C-alpha cells in the first residue's frame, strides 16, 4: 500500500521537473530571457496548472506551496535548461516524452482531486485539463506566443481523455492506482502518437481564399 501511495506523487514530481525544463527551454529559445526570466517561466510552467486548480476548488494554500520538493524540482529543471540549453536541443524527444508523462499524470490528478472536493463531472473534466495545460498556457502568453495547447499535435485532447477515464472510474467506484495509471497511459500514448505522426485536432473547413498564394 505504501508503494501505491508513493507512486503517483513520484510521477507528479517527475512531471513537475519535466515541465520546469520545458518552460525554461521555451524562454531560452523564444524569448532570450536572462536567468531570472528563465527560472520564472520554468516554475510557472511546472506549477501553474496545479495552482489554478487548487485556487478554483478552494484548496488553500495550493499543494505546491506545502511541499518544498515541487519548487526545488521546477527550479532545478529550469536552471538545467538555462545552463545546458544548447545540448538540450539535441534531446527533443526525451524531453517530449517527459512532457507527455507530466501532462498525463497532471490530468489524472487534477480530475481526481476536483471530484474529491465535491465537484461534478463537467468541472472535474475541465480541471483535469487545466491542471495539465494551464502552466504552459500561462508561459506562452507571457512570451507573447499563441498557446501551444491551441495548435500543438493532440495536446488538450489526450488530457481530456485521461480526465474522462479518471472521472468514469471514480464514478463507478473502481478508481485506484491501476485505474489512475491506466488513464495516464492512455493519455501518454495518444500524445506520443500525435507527436510521431503529426496528428492534429479537426480544424474549420477552409475557404477558397485559404488556398490562394500570397503572390496570386
Protein backbone atom coordinates (compact mmCIF):
# COMPACT_ATOMS: atom_id res chain seq x y z
CA UNK A 1 0.00 0.00 0.00
CA UNK A 2 2.88 2.34 0.72
CA UNK A 3 4.23 1.69 -2.77
CA UNK A 4 0.88 2.58 -4.33
CA UNK A 5 0.53 5.75 -2.30
CA UNK A 6 4.04 6.85 -3.23
CA UNK A 7 3.94 6.10 -6.96
CA UNK A 8 1.57 8.82 -8.17
CA UNK A 9 3.27 11.58 -6.15
CA UNK A 10 6.58 10.39 -7.59
CA UNK A 11 5.18 10.66 -11.11
CA UNK A 12 3.70 14.02 -10.22
CA UNK A 13 7.13 15.26 -9.17
CA UNK A 14 8.65 13.83 -12.36
CA UNK A 15 6.13 15.80 -14.39
CA UNK A 16 6.94 18.91 -12.40
CA UNK A 17 10.61 18.58 -13.28
CA UNK A 18 9.84 17.94 -16.95
CA UNK A 19 7.54 20.94 -17.20
CA UNK A 20 10.12 23.13 -15.47
CA UNK A 21 12.63 22.03 -18.08
CA UNK A 22 10.29 22.64 -21.00
CA UNK A 23 9.13 26.00 -19.73
CA UNK A 24 12.69 27.20 -19.35
CA UNK A 25 13.62 25.95 -22.82
CA UNK A 26 10.78 28.00 -24.25
CA UNK A 27 12.18 31.06 -22.53
CA UNK A 28 15.68 30.35 -23.84
CA UNK A 29 14.61 29.66 -27.41
CA UNK A 30 11.76 32.06 -27.97
CA UNK A 31 12.24 34.96 -25.62
CA UNK A 32 16.00 35.13 -24.99
CA UNK A 33 15.39 35.91 -21.33
CA UNK A 34 18.00 36.17 -18.61
CA UNK A 35 18.34 33.66 -15.78
CA UNK A 36 15.56 35.27 -13.75
CA UNK A 37 13.13 35.12 -16.66
CA UNK A 38 14.10 31.55 -17.49
CA UNK A 39 13.63 30.47 -13.88
CA UNK A 40 10.29 32.25 -13.63
CA UNK A 41 8.90 30.72 -16.81
CA UNK A 42 10.12 27.27 -15.87
CA UNK A 43 8.43 27.41 -12.49
CA UNK A 44 5.24 28.90 -13.91
CA UNK A 45 5.03 26.08 -16.45
CA UNK A 46 5.62 23.42 -13.82
CA UNK A 47 3.41 24.78 -11.05
CA UNK A 48 0.82 26.99 -12.76
CA UNK A 49 -1.78 24.37 -13.63
CA UNK A 50 -1.87 22.89 -10.14
CA UNK A 51 -2.08 26.31 -8.51
CA UNK A 52 -5.00 27.32 -10.73
CA UNK A 53 -6.80 24.07 -9.91
CA UNK A 54 -6.32 24.38 -6.17
CA UNK A 55 -7.42 28.01 -6.10
CA UNK A 56 -10.57 27.18 -8.07
CA UNK A 57 -11.56 24.28 -5.80
CA UNK A 58 -10.66 26.14 -2.60
CA UNK A 59 -7.65 24.03 -1.63
CA UNK A 60 -5.78 26.88 0.01
CA UNK A 61 -2.83 27.13 0.22
CA UNK A 62 -2.19 25.19 -3.00
CA UNK A 63 -0.43 21.85 -2.64
CA UNK A 64 2.71 23.12 -4.36
CA UNK A 65 3.15 25.67 -1.57
CA UNK A 66 3.07 22.95 1.07
CA UNK A 67 5.77 20.66 -0.35
CA UNK A 68 9.19 22.11 -0.99
CA UNK A 69 10.03 19.38 -3.50
CA UNK A 70 7.80 20.93 -6.15
CA UNK A 71 9.67 24.22 -6.04
CA UNK A 72 13.07 22.52 -6.00
CA UNK A 73 12.31 20.29 -8.98
CA UNK A 74 10.70 23.08 -11.00
CA UNK A 75 13.62 25.41 -10.32
CA UNK A 76 16.13 22.63 -10.91
CA UNK A 77 14.68 21.82 -14.32
CA UNK A 78 14.68 25.49 -15.26
CA UNK A 79 18.28 26.00 -14.22
CA UNK A 80 19.43 22.90 -16.10
CA UNK A 81 17.75 24.22 -19.23
CA UNK A 82 19.46 27.58 -18.74
CA UNK A 83 22.91 26.11 -18.24
CA UNK A 84 22.76 23.43 -20.92
CA UNK A 85 20.27 24.83 -23.41
CA UNK A 86 22.40 24.09 -26.48
CA UNK A 87 22.89 20.46 -25.54
CA UNK A 88 19.26 20.03 -24.56
CA UNK A 89 18.25 20.97 -28.10
CA UNK A 90 19.54 17.51 -29.08
CA UNK A 91 17.26 15.84 -26.54
CA UNK A 92 14.00 16.91 -28.10
CA UNK A 93 12.32 13.50 -27.99
CA UNK A 94 13.30 12.60 -24.39
CA UNK A 95 12.03 15.99 -23.24
CA UNK A 96 8.82 15.47 -25.21
CA UNK A 97 8.39 12.08 -23.55
CA UNK A 98 8.82 13.58 -20.07
CA UNK A 99 6.42 16.37 -21.01
CA UNK A 100 3.86 13.76 -22.05
CA UNK A 101 4.34 11.97 -18.73
CA UNK A 102 3.71 15.22 -16.86
CA UNK A 103 0.64 16.03 -18.95
CA UNK A 104 -0.78 12.55 -18.33
CA UNK A 105 -0.22 12.47 -14.59
CA UNK A 106 -1.34 16.06 -14.00
CA UNK A 107 -4.60 15.48 -15.91
CA UNK A 108 -5.43 12.41 -13.82
CA UNK A 109 -4.52 14.05 -10.52
CA UNK A 110 -6.40 17.23 -11.43
CA UNK A 111 -9.64 15.41 -12.22
CA UNK A 112 -9.48 13.12 -9.19
CA UNK A 113 -8.74 15.97 -6.82
CA UNK A 114 -11.62 18.03 -8.23
CA UNK A 115 -14.00 15.13 -7.60
CA UNK A 116 -12.65 14.66 -4.08
CA UNK A 117 -13.64 18.27 -3.36
CA UNK A 118 -17.23 17.57 -4.39
CA UNK A 119 -17.24 18.97 -7.93
CA UNK A 120 -19.49 17.48 -10.59
CA UNK A 121 -18.35 15.65 -13.71
CA UNK A 122 -18.12 18.66 -16.05
CA UNK A 123 -15.98 20.83 -13.77
CA UNK A 124 -13.81 17.84 -12.87
CA UNK A 125 -13.08 17.22 -16.56
CA UNK A 126 -12.25 20.87 -17.07
CA UNK A 127 -9.93 21.00 -14.08
CA UNK A 128 -8.17 17.84 -15.19
CA UNK A 129 -7.32 19.52 -18.48
CA UNK A 130 -6.45 22.82 -16.79
CA UNK A 131 -4.04 21.07 -14.44
CA UNK A 132 -2.27 19.51 -17.40
CA UNK A 133 -2.10 22.51 -19.73
CA UNK A 134 -2.54 25.55 -17.51
CA UNK A 135 1.12 26.25 -16.76
CA UNK A 136 2.17 26.02 -20.39
CA UNK A 137 -0.65 28.31 -21.44
CA UNK A 138 0.47 30.99 -18.98
CA UNK A 139 4.06 30.56 -20.17
CA UNK A 140 3.19 31.03 -23.83
CA UNK A 141 1.06 34.05 -23.06
CA UNK A 142 3.90 35.70 -21.15
CA UNK A 143 6.29 35.31 -24.11
CA UNK A 144 3.57 36.53 -26.49
CA UNK A 145 3.08 33.25 -28.33
CA UNK A 146 -0.11 31.50 -29.32
CA UNK A 147 -0.52 28.91 -26.53
CA UNK A 148 0.77 25.54 -27.71
CA UNK A 149 -2.34 23.82 -26.37
CA UNK A 150 -4.30 25.52 -29.17
CA UNK A 151 -2.02 24.46 -32.01
CA UNK A 152 0.15 21.54 -30.82
CA UNK A 153 -0.28 17.95 -32.03
CA UNK A 154 -3.04 16.48 -29.88
CA UNK A 155 -2.28 18.12 -26.55
CA UNK A 156 -5.56 19.08 -24.90
CA UNK A 157 -7.43 16.06 -26.29
CA UNK A 158 -5.22 13.45 -24.54
CA UNK A 159 -5.56 15.41 -21.30
CA UNK A 160 -9.34 15.39 -21.67
CA UNK A 161 -9.34 11.64 -22.36
CA UNK A 162 -7.28 10.98 -19.23
CA UNK A 163 -9.58 13.18 -17.16
CA UNK A 164 -12.65 11.42 -18.58
CA UNK A 165 -11.28 7.96 -17.76
CA UNK A 166 -10.45 9.15 -14.26
CA UNK A 167 -13.92 10.58 -13.71
CA UNK A 168 -15.52 7.41 -15.09
CA UNK A 169 -13.56 5.14 -12.76
CA UNK A 170 -14.26 7.35 -9.75
CA UNK A 171 -17.98 7.48 -10.50
CA UNK A 172 -18.15 3.69 -10.90
CA UNK A 173 -16.20 3.07 -7.72
CA UNK A 174 -13.20 1.37 -9.30
CA UNK A 175 -10.70 4.22 -9.10
CA UNK A 176 -7.34 3.30 -7.62
CA UNK A 177 -3.72 3.11 -8.62
CA UNK A 178 -4.28 0.72 -11.57
CA UNK A 179 -7.08 2.92 -12.95
CA UNK A 180 -5.03 6.08 -12.48
CA UNK A 181 -2.02 4.59 -14.21
CA UNK A 182 -4.24 3.27 -16.99
CA UNK A 183 -5.74 6.70 -17.59
CA UNK A 184 -2.30 8.29 -17.60
CA UNK A 185 -1.02 5.61 -20.01
CA UNK A 186 -3.84 6.25 -22.46
CA UNK A 187 -3.10 9.97 -22.39
CA UNK A 188 0.59 9.31 -22.90
CA UNK A 189 0.03 7.02 -25.89
CA UNK A 190 -2.36 9.44 -27.61
CA UNK A 191 0.01 12.35 -27.06
CA UNK A 192 3.03 10.47 -28.41
CA UNK A 193 1.09 9.20 -31.43
CA UNK A 194 0.13 12.79 -32.14
CA UNK A 195 3.78 13.84 -31.99
CA UNK A 196 5.07 10.92 -34.04
CA UNK A 197 2.50 11.12 -36.83
CA UNK A 198 1.93 14.87 -36.68
CA UNK A 199 -1.76 14.37 -35.94
CA UNK A 200 -3.94 17.43 -35.45
CA UNK A 201 -7.35 18.02 -33.94
CA UNK A 202 -10.06 18.82 -36.54
CA UNK A 203 -9.89 22.35 -37.91
CA UNK A 204 -12.56 24.54 -39.51
CA UNK A 205 -13.19 23.89 -43.22
CA UNK A 206 -11.04 26.08 -45.42
CA UNK A 207 -12.47 28.73 -47.68
CA UNK A 208 -11.37 29.31 -51.23
CA UNK A 209 -9.13 32.17 -50.13
CA UNK A 210 -7.12 29.82 -47.89
CA UNK A 211 -5.71 28.13 -50.96
CA UNK A 212 -4.60 31.30 -52.62
CA UNK A 213 -0.90 32.01 -52.52
CA UNK A 214 0.32 35.46 -51.48
CA UNK A 215 1.64 36.05 -54.98
CA UNK A 216 -1.61 35.25 -56.79
